[in-house]
N, C-alpha and C. Protein backbone atom coordinates (compact mmCIF):
# COMPACT_ATOMS: atom_id res chain seq x y z
N MET A 1 228.53 140.34 134.33
CA MET A 1 227.49 140.80 135.23
C MET A 1 227.90 140.53 136.67
N ASN A 2 227.85 141.53 137.50
CA ASN A 2 228.20 141.39 138.87
C ASN A 2 226.98 140.90 139.65
N LEU A 3 227.08 139.71 140.23
CA LEU A 3 225.92 139.17 140.93
C LEU A 3 225.85 139.62 142.38
N TRP A 4 226.83 140.35 142.87
CA TRP A 4 226.82 140.79 144.27
C TRP A 4 226.54 142.25 144.31
N ALA A 5 225.54 142.65 145.10
CA ALA A 5 225.27 144.05 145.35
C ALA A 5 226.36 144.54 146.29
N HIS A 6 227.01 145.62 145.97
CA HIS A 6 228.07 146.13 146.84
C HIS A 6 227.43 146.83 148.02
N ARG A 7 227.62 146.29 149.18
CA ARG A 7 227.02 146.82 150.40
C ARG A 7 228.00 146.82 151.55
N ASP A 8 227.85 147.81 152.33
CA ASP A 8 228.49 147.85 153.62
C ASP A 8 227.52 147.20 154.60
N PRO A 9 227.98 146.40 155.55
CA PRO A 9 227.07 145.70 156.45
C PRO A 9 226.10 146.65 157.14
N ARG A 10 226.55 147.88 157.38
CA ARG A 10 225.67 148.84 158.06
C ARG A 10 224.55 149.27 157.13
N SER A 11 224.77 149.27 155.82
CA SER A 11 223.77 149.77 154.90
C SER A 11 222.62 148.81 154.72
N CYS A 12 222.76 147.55 155.05
CA CYS A 12 221.66 146.63 154.98
C CYS A 12 221.16 146.29 156.38
N GLY A 13 221.53 147.04 157.34
CA GLY A 13 220.98 146.90 158.68
C GLY A 13 221.63 145.81 159.49
N LEU A 14 222.79 145.32 159.10
CA LEU A 14 223.37 144.18 159.86
C LEU A 14 223.74 144.59 161.31
N SER A 15 224.06 145.85 161.51
CA SER A 15 224.40 146.26 162.87
C SER A 15 223.13 146.27 163.77
N GLN A 16 221.97 146.24 163.18
CA GLN A 16 220.74 146.27 164.01
C GLN A 16 220.06 144.91 164.01
N LEU A 17 220.56 143.94 163.30
CA LEU A 17 219.93 142.64 163.29
C LEU A 17 220.09 141.90 164.58
N SER A 18 219.17 141.00 164.89
CA SER A 18 219.28 140.18 166.07
C SER A 18 218.71 138.82 165.76
N GLN A 19 219.05 137.84 166.60
CA GLN A 19 218.59 136.47 166.43
C GLN A 19 217.96 136.02 167.73
N PRO A 20 216.74 135.44 167.70
CA PRO A 20 216.20 134.94 168.95
C PRO A 20 217.08 133.95 169.64
N TYR A 21 217.25 134.09 170.94
CA TYR A 21 218.05 133.19 171.74
C TYR A 21 217.50 133.10 173.15
N MET A 22 217.02 131.98 173.51
CA MET A 22 216.45 131.74 174.85
C MET A 22 215.41 132.83 175.18
N GLY A 23 214.54 133.15 174.23
CA GLY A 23 213.47 134.10 174.48
C GLY A 23 213.88 135.52 174.36
N ARG A 24 215.18 135.80 174.11
CA ARG A 24 215.65 137.19 173.94
C ARG A 24 216.32 137.30 172.58
N ASP A 25 216.43 138.52 172.12
CA ASP A 25 217.12 138.74 170.84
C ASP A 25 218.62 138.85 171.14
N MET A 26 219.40 138.05 170.34
CA MET A 26 220.85 138.13 170.49
C MET A 26 221.38 138.96 169.34
N PRO A 27 222.08 140.03 169.57
CA PRO A 27 222.61 140.88 168.51
C PRO A 27 223.55 140.11 167.57
N TRP A 28 223.48 140.45 166.29
CA TRP A 28 224.36 139.78 165.31
C TRP A 28 225.82 140.00 165.64
N ALA A 29 226.17 141.08 166.30
CA ALA A 29 227.56 141.30 166.65
C ALA A 29 228.08 140.20 167.54
N ILE A 30 227.22 139.74 168.46
CA ILE A 30 227.61 138.63 169.32
C ILE A 30 227.75 137.34 168.53
N LEU A 31 226.82 137.12 167.62
CA LEU A 31 226.91 135.93 166.78
C LEU A 31 228.19 135.98 165.96
N LEU A 32 228.49 137.19 165.40
CA LEU A 32 229.71 137.33 164.63
C LEU A 32 230.94 137.04 165.45
N PHE A 33 230.97 137.55 166.65
CA PHE A 33 232.12 137.33 167.54
C PHE A 33 232.23 135.87 167.90
N ALA A 34 231.10 135.22 168.19
CA ALA A 34 231.10 133.80 168.61
C ALA A 34 231.55 132.86 167.49
N SER A 35 231.11 133.18 166.28
CA SER A 35 231.37 132.26 165.18
C SER A 35 232.62 132.61 164.37
N GLY A 36 233.06 133.83 164.49
CA GLY A 36 234.22 134.28 163.70
C GLY A 36 233.87 134.81 162.33
N SER A 37 232.61 134.62 161.92
CA SER A 37 232.13 135.18 160.69
C SER A 37 230.63 135.43 160.82
N LEU A 38 230.10 136.21 159.93
CA LEU A 38 228.70 136.55 160.02
C LEU A 38 227.85 135.36 159.59
N ALA A 39 227.06 134.86 160.50
CA ALA A 39 226.16 133.77 160.18
C ALA A 39 224.88 134.32 159.60
N ILE A 40 224.65 134.05 158.33
CA ILE A 40 223.43 134.60 157.67
C ILE A 40 222.38 133.52 157.64
N PRO A 41 221.20 133.79 158.16
CA PRO A 41 220.16 132.74 158.22
C PRO A 41 219.72 132.28 156.83
N ALA A 42 219.31 131.05 156.77
CA ALA A 42 218.82 130.48 155.51
C ALA A 42 217.52 131.20 155.08
N PRO A 43 217.29 131.25 153.78
CA PRO A 43 216.04 131.84 153.29
C PRO A 43 214.88 130.85 153.44
N SER A 44 213.68 131.38 153.32
CA SER A 44 212.49 130.52 153.27
C SER A 44 212.23 130.26 151.77
N ILE A 45 211.65 129.10 151.50
CA ILE A 45 211.37 128.70 150.10
C ILE A 45 209.99 128.05 150.08
N PHE A 46 209.22 128.34 149.03
CA PHE A 46 207.95 127.67 148.85
C PHE A 46 207.51 127.75 147.42
N LEU A 47 206.66 126.82 147.05
CA LEU A 47 206.08 126.72 145.72
C LEU A 47 204.91 127.68 145.67
N VAL A 48 204.86 128.53 144.64
CA VAL A 48 203.79 129.57 144.54
C VAL A 48 202.66 128.98 143.72
N PRO A 49 201.38 129.08 144.23
CA PRO A 49 200.25 128.66 143.49
C PRO A 49 200.07 129.49 142.23
N PRO A 50 199.45 128.96 141.18
CA PRO A 50 198.82 127.65 141.09
C PRO A 50 199.93 126.57 140.90
N TYR A 51 199.72 125.48 141.57
CA TYR A 51 200.68 124.41 141.53
C TYR A 51 200.63 123.66 140.22
N PRO A 52 201.76 123.24 139.66
CA PRO A 52 201.74 122.56 138.37
C PRO A 52 201.14 121.17 138.46
N SER A 53 200.45 120.81 137.41
CA SER A 53 199.88 119.43 137.34
C SER A 53 200.47 118.66 136.22
N SER A 54 201.21 119.30 135.35
CA SER A 54 201.91 118.59 134.27
C SER A 54 203.24 119.27 134.05
N GLN A 55 204.12 118.64 133.30
CA GLN A 55 205.42 119.21 133.02
C GLN A 55 205.38 120.43 132.15
N ASP A 56 204.21 120.71 131.51
CA ASP A 56 204.06 121.89 130.66
C ASP A 56 203.61 123.10 131.44
N ASP A 57 203.15 122.91 132.68
CA ASP A 57 202.64 124.01 133.49
C ASP A 57 203.78 124.86 134.03
N PRO A 58 203.53 126.17 134.22
CA PRO A 58 204.60 127.01 134.80
C PRO A 58 204.80 126.61 136.27
N ILE A 59 206.06 126.73 136.70
CA ILE A 59 206.42 126.46 138.11
C ILE A 59 207.09 127.72 138.64
N TYR A 60 206.54 128.22 139.73
CA TYR A 60 207.09 129.41 140.37
C TYR A 60 207.55 129.06 141.80
N ILE A 61 208.79 129.37 142.11
CA ILE A 61 209.34 129.09 143.44
C ILE A 61 209.79 130.40 144.07
N SER A 62 209.23 130.69 145.22
CA SER A 62 209.63 131.93 145.94
C SER A 62 210.76 131.65 146.93
N CYS A 63 211.71 132.53 146.97
CA CYS A 63 212.81 132.40 147.91
C CYS A 63 212.97 133.77 148.58
N THR A 64 212.89 133.80 149.91
CA THR A 64 212.88 135.02 150.67
C THR A 64 213.86 135.03 151.84
N ALA A 65 214.68 136.06 151.85
CA ALA A 65 215.62 136.27 152.95
C ALA A 65 214.88 136.97 154.10
N PRO A 66 215.48 137.03 155.28
CA PRO A 66 214.89 137.82 156.36
C PRO A 66 214.71 139.27 155.90
N LYS A 67 213.74 139.97 156.48
CA LYS A 67 213.33 141.30 155.99
C LYS A 67 214.44 142.35 155.98
N ASP A 68 215.52 142.12 156.72
CA ASP A 68 216.62 143.09 156.77
C ASP A 68 217.62 142.93 155.65
N PHE A 69 217.49 141.87 154.85
CA PHE A 69 218.42 141.62 153.75
C PHE A 69 217.75 142.00 152.42
N LEU A 70 217.65 143.28 152.14
CA LEU A 70 217.01 143.73 150.93
C LEU A 70 217.98 143.70 149.75
N GLY A 71 217.49 143.40 148.58
CA GLY A 71 218.30 143.44 147.36
C GLY A 71 219.36 142.40 147.26
N ALA A 72 219.18 141.28 147.96
CA ALA A 72 220.24 140.20 147.97
C ALA A 72 220.20 139.47 146.64
N ASN A 73 221.29 138.77 146.39
CA ASN A 73 221.42 137.92 145.20
C ASN A 73 221.03 136.50 145.59
N PHE A 74 220.14 135.88 144.81
CA PHE A 74 219.65 134.54 145.10
C PHE A 74 220.06 133.58 144.02
N THR A 75 220.34 132.35 144.48
CA THR A 75 220.66 131.23 143.60
C THR A 75 219.69 130.12 143.88
N LEU A 76 219.08 129.57 142.81
CA LEU A 76 218.20 128.43 142.94
C LEU A 76 218.98 127.21 142.49
N PHE A 77 218.88 126.14 143.30
CA PHE A 77 219.55 124.88 142.99
C PHE A 77 218.53 123.80 142.76
N ARG A 78 218.78 122.99 141.72
CA ARG A 78 217.99 121.73 141.52
C ARG A 78 218.99 120.64 141.81
N GLY A 79 218.74 119.92 142.93
CA GLY A 79 219.75 118.97 143.39
C GLY A 79 220.96 119.78 143.83
N GLU A 80 222.10 119.45 143.26
CA GLU A 80 223.36 120.18 143.58
C GLU A 80 223.70 121.25 142.56
N GLU A 81 222.90 121.34 141.47
CA GLU A 81 223.24 122.22 140.37
C GLU A 81 222.54 123.54 140.48
N ALA A 82 223.27 124.67 140.33
CA ALA A 82 222.69 126.00 140.30
C ALA A 82 221.98 126.13 138.96
N VAL A 83 220.67 126.44 138.99
CA VAL A 83 219.91 126.53 137.75
C VAL A 83 219.49 127.97 137.42
N GLN A 84 219.42 128.87 138.39
CA GLN A 84 219.07 130.25 138.12
C GLN A 84 219.64 131.17 139.16
N LEU A 85 219.94 132.40 138.71
CA LEU A 85 220.44 133.46 139.59
C LEU A 85 219.54 134.67 139.38
N LEU A 86 219.08 135.28 140.47
CA LEU A 86 218.27 136.50 140.40
C LEU A 86 218.67 137.45 141.52
N GLN A 87 218.63 138.73 141.23
CA GLN A 87 218.84 139.71 142.30
C GLN A 87 217.49 140.31 142.68
N ALA A 88 217.24 140.39 143.97
CA ALA A 88 216.00 141.01 144.48
C ALA A 88 216.08 142.54 144.25
N PRO A 89 214.92 143.16 144.00
CA PRO A 89 214.94 144.64 143.93
C PRO A 89 215.46 145.20 145.26
N SER A 90 216.02 146.39 145.20
CA SER A 90 216.69 146.97 146.36
C SER A 90 215.75 147.18 147.57
N ASP A 91 214.45 147.16 147.35
CA ASP A 91 213.52 147.32 148.46
C ASP A 91 212.77 146.05 148.83
N GLN A 92 213.26 144.88 148.31
CA GLN A 92 212.56 143.60 148.52
C GLN A 92 213.53 142.58 149.11
N PRO A 93 212.99 141.67 149.98
CA PRO A 93 213.88 140.66 150.57
C PRO A 93 213.88 139.33 149.81
N GLY A 94 213.18 139.27 148.67
CA GLY A 94 213.12 137.96 147.99
C GLY A 94 212.84 138.08 146.50
N VAL A 95 212.83 136.88 145.86
CA VAL A 95 212.59 136.76 144.44
C VAL A 95 211.66 135.60 144.18
N THR A 96 211.12 135.56 142.97
CA THR A 96 210.34 134.41 142.53
C THR A 96 211.00 133.86 141.26
N PHE A 97 211.41 132.64 141.32
CA PHE A 97 212.01 131.96 140.18
C PHE A 97 210.95 131.33 139.32
N ASN A 98 211.10 131.38 138.02
CA ASN A 98 210.23 130.69 137.06
C ASN A 98 211.06 129.52 136.48
N VAL A 99 210.71 128.32 136.88
CA VAL A 99 211.44 127.12 136.44
C VAL A 99 210.59 126.27 135.59
N THR A 100 209.83 126.87 134.70
CA THR A 100 208.96 126.14 133.78
C THR A 100 209.80 125.27 132.89
N GLY A 101 209.35 124.03 132.74
CA GLY A 101 210.03 123.07 131.89
C GLY A 101 209.70 123.33 130.43
N GLY A 102 210.04 122.41 129.66
CA GLY A 102 209.76 122.53 128.24
C GLY A 102 210.80 121.75 127.48
N GLY A 103 210.44 121.31 126.30
CA GLY A 103 211.39 120.59 125.51
C GLY A 103 211.81 119.28 126.22
N SER A 104 213.04 118.98 126.12
CA SER A 104 213.55 117.71 126.66
C SER A 104 213.91 117.76 128.16
N GLU A 105 213.96 119.02 128.73
CA GLU A 105 214.37 119.14 130.10
C GLU A 105 213.16 119.02 131.03
N ALA A 106 213.22 118.10 131.94
CA ALA A 106 212.15 117.94 132.94
C ALA A 106 212.23 119.08 133.98
N ALA A 107 211.08 119.65 134.29
CA ALA A 107 211.04 120.78 135.20
C ALA A 107 211.06 120.42 136.68
N GLY A 108 210.66 119.20 136.98
CA GLY A 108 210.53 118.82 138.39
C GLY A 108 211.86 118.54 139.03
N GLY A 109 211.79 118.25 140.31
CA GLY A 109 213.03 117.94 141.04
C GLY A 109 212.98 118.46 142.45
N ASN A 110 214.13 118.40 143.09
CA ASN A 110 214.30 118.86 144.46
C ASN A 110 215.02 120.20 144.41
N PHE A 111 214.36 121.28 144.88
CA PHE A 111 214.88 122.64 144.79
C PHE A 111 215.25 123.18 146.15
N ARG A 112 216.37 123.94 146.21
CA ARG A 112 216.75 124.70 147.37
C ARG A 112 217.28 126.03 146.88
N CYS A 113 217.35 127.00 147.79
CA CYS A 113 217.90 128.30 147.38
C CYS A 113 218.85 128.85 148.43
N GLN A 114 219.57 129.86 148.05
CA GLN A 114 220.57 130.49 148.92
C GLN A 114 220.66 131.93 148.47
N TYR A 115 221.03 132.83 149.38
CA TYR A 115 221.22 134.22 149.00
C TYR A 115 222.58 134.69 149.51
N GLY A 116 223.01 135.79 148.96
CA GLY A 116 224.29 136.37 149.40
C GLY A 116 224.20 137.87 149.43
N VAL A 117 225.02 138.44 150.31
CA VAL A 117 225.18 139.89 150.41
C VAL A 117 226.66 140.19 150.61
N MET A 118 227.00 141.43 150.36
CA MET A 118 228.40 141.84 150.64
C MET A 118 228.56 142.10 152.10
N GLY A 119 229.56 141.48 152.66
CA GLY A 119 229.81 141.62 154.10
C GLY A 119 230.99 142.57 154.37
N GLU A 120 231.64 142.36 155.48
CA GLU A 120 232.79 143.18 155.85
C GLU A 120 233.90 143.03 154.82
N HIS A 121 234.62 144.10 154.60
CA HIS A 121 235.75 144.17 153.66
C HIS A 121 235.33 143.72 152.27
N SER A 122 234.09 144.01 151.90
CA SER A 122 233.57 143.68 150.56
C SER A 122 233.68 142.21 150.25
N GLN A 123 233.59 141.36 151.26
CA GLN A 123 233.63 139.92 151.06
C GLN A 123 232.22 139.40 150.93
N PRO A 124 231.91 138.56 149.93
CA PRO A 124 230.58 137.98 149.83
C PRO A 124 230.26 137.07 151.01
N GLN A 125 229.08 137.23 151.55
CA GLN A 125 228.62 136.39 152.64
C GLN A 125 227.44 135.60 152.12
N LEU A 126 227.49 134.25 152.17
CA LEU A 126 226.42 133.40 151.70
C LEU A 126 225.61 132.90 152.88
N SER A 127 224.32 132.78 152.65
CA SER A 127 223.46 132.19 153.66
C SER A 127 223.61 130.70 153.65
N ASP A 128 223.02 130.05 154.66
CA ASP A 128 222.87 128.61 154.58
C ASP A 128 221.87 128.31 153.50
N LEU A 129 221.83 127.06 153.04
CA LEU A 129 220.84 126.67 152.07
C LEU A 129 219.47 126.54 152.75
N SER A 130 218.44 126.83 151.96
CA SER A 130 217.06 126.71 152.48
C SER A 130 216.69 125.28 152.66
N GLN A 131 215.53 125.04 153.22
CA GLN A 131 214.94 123.69 153.24
C GLN A 131 214.66 123.31 151.72
N SER A 132 214.32 122.14 151.45
CA SER A 132 214.05 121.79 150.06
C SER A 132 212.57 121.77 149.73
N VAL A 133 212.25 122.00 148.48
CA VAL A 133 210.91 121.93 147.94
C VAL A 133 210.93 120.89 146.83
N GLN A 134 210.06 119.91 146.94
CA GLN A 134 210.02 118.83 145.89
C GLN A 134 208.93 119.20 144.91
N VAL A 135 209.26 119.22 143.62
CA VAL A 135 208.26 119.43 142.57
C VAL A 135 208.20 118.14 141.74
N SER A 136 207.02 117.56 141.77
CA SER A 136 206.83 116.32 140.98
C SER A 136 205.48 116.37 140.28
N PHE A 137 205.32 115.49 139.33
CA PHE A 137 204.10 115.46 138.54
C PHE A 137 203.53 114.05 138.58
N PRO A 138 202.19 113.97 138.48
CA PRO A 138 201.62 112.59 138.46
C PRO A 138 202.08 111.88 137.19
N GLY A 139 202.32 110.60 137.31
CA GLY A 139 202.74 109.81 136.13
C GLY A 139 201.58 109.68 135.17
N PRO A 140 201.91 109.29 133.93
CA PRO A 140 200.83 109.09 132.96
C PRO A 140 199.89 107.98 133.42
N GLN A 141 198.64 108.28 133.34
CA GLN A 141 197.64 107.29 133.80
C GLN A 141 197.25 106.40 132.66
N ARG A 142 197.34 105.10 132.91
CA ARG A 142 196.95 104.11 131.90
C ARG A 142 195.53 103.71 132.22
N PRO A 143 194.66 103.74 131.22
CA PRO A 143 193.25 103.30 131.47
C PRO A 143 193.27 101.82 131.86
N THR A 144 192.49 101.49 132.83
CA THR A 144 192.37 100.06 133.21
C THR A 144 191.24 99.47 132.41
N PRO A 145 191.46 98.29 131.85
CA PRO A 145 190.42 97.66 131.05
C PRO A 145 189.25 97.24 131.95
N PRO A 146 188.05 97.27 131.42
CA PRO A 146 186.92 96.80 132.22
C PRO A 146 187.06 95.34 132.55
N PRO A 147 186.56 94.91 133.69
CA PRO A 147 186.67 93.50 134.04
C PRO A 147 185.91 92.66 133.01
N GLN A 148 186.45 91.48 132.73
CA GLN A 148 185.76 90.61 131.78
C GLN A 148 184.61 89.92 132.51
N SER A 149 183.56 89.69 131.76
CA SER A 149 182.45 88.92 132.37
C SER A 149 182.86 87.45 132.43
N TRP A 150 182.15 86.71 133.19
CA TRP A 150 182.45 85.26 133.37
C TRP A 150 182.38 84.53 132.04
N SER A 151 181.38 84.88 131.24
CA SER A 151 181.23 84.17 129.97
C SER A 151 182.38 84.46 129.01
N GLU A 152 182.85 85.72 128.99
CA GLU A 152 183.98 86.08 128.11
C GLU A 152 185.26 85.39 128.58
N SER A 153 185.50 85.37 129.88
CA SER A 153 186.70 84.73 130.37
C SER A 153 186.62 83.22 130.20
N LYS A 154 185.43 82.63 130.34
CA LYS A 154 185.25 81.18 130.17
C LYS A 154 185.50 80.82 128.70
N SER A 155 184.97 81.60 127.76
CA SER A 155 185.13 81.25 126.34
C SER A 155 186.56 81.44 125.91
N SER A 156 187.27 82.41 126.49
CA SER A 156 188.65 82.56 126.08
C SER A 156 189.57 81.52 126.68
N ALA A 157 189.12 80.89 127.78
CA ALA A 157 189.95 79.93 128.49
C ALA A 157 189.64 78.49 128.02
N VAL A 158 188.48 78.28 127.38
CA VAL A 158 188.09 76.94 126.96
C VAL A 158 188.49 76.69 125.53
N LYS A 159 189.11 75.55 125.32
CA LYS A 159 189.50 75.18 123.95
C LYS A 159 188.56 74.13 123.45
N ILE A 160 187.97 74.37 122.27
CA ILE A 160 187.00 73.45 121.74
C ILE A 160 187.73 72.47 120.81
N LEU A 161 187.47 71.18 121.02
CA LEU A 161 188.17 70.17 120.24
C LEU A 161 187.33 69.71 119.08
């Protein structure tokens, strides 16, 4: 399975992209020239409601590239490990990962994502990693025993001879 959509930079609008710089848009061509390679911005990431309350609940994480990067390939990481790969539809800038747990694998953790597109000379260009999203669940709640009355605590503490 080819995870990279074959694209010419012009076909995904790279020649028209710009980056805000000191209140003005800086063309990507200048960024490319300055850095020596195409700097692709990090995607946004967020947990999609309804939020999980237990490890059995479904977990959906959205990862979205800037609007000019349609049909990109996305990788979801838990910690340092890649856990899922998805390609966005050709008219969409993002995907939603389903990382529902089950069985012995815990679903929670620290998640980040990244996307890639084909750049110049058919070389894959990867974005920076997104910010992280932490998915955790409340621990099992232990019922607290009711407080003992004075007479119960006194009788359990007194030894009759």
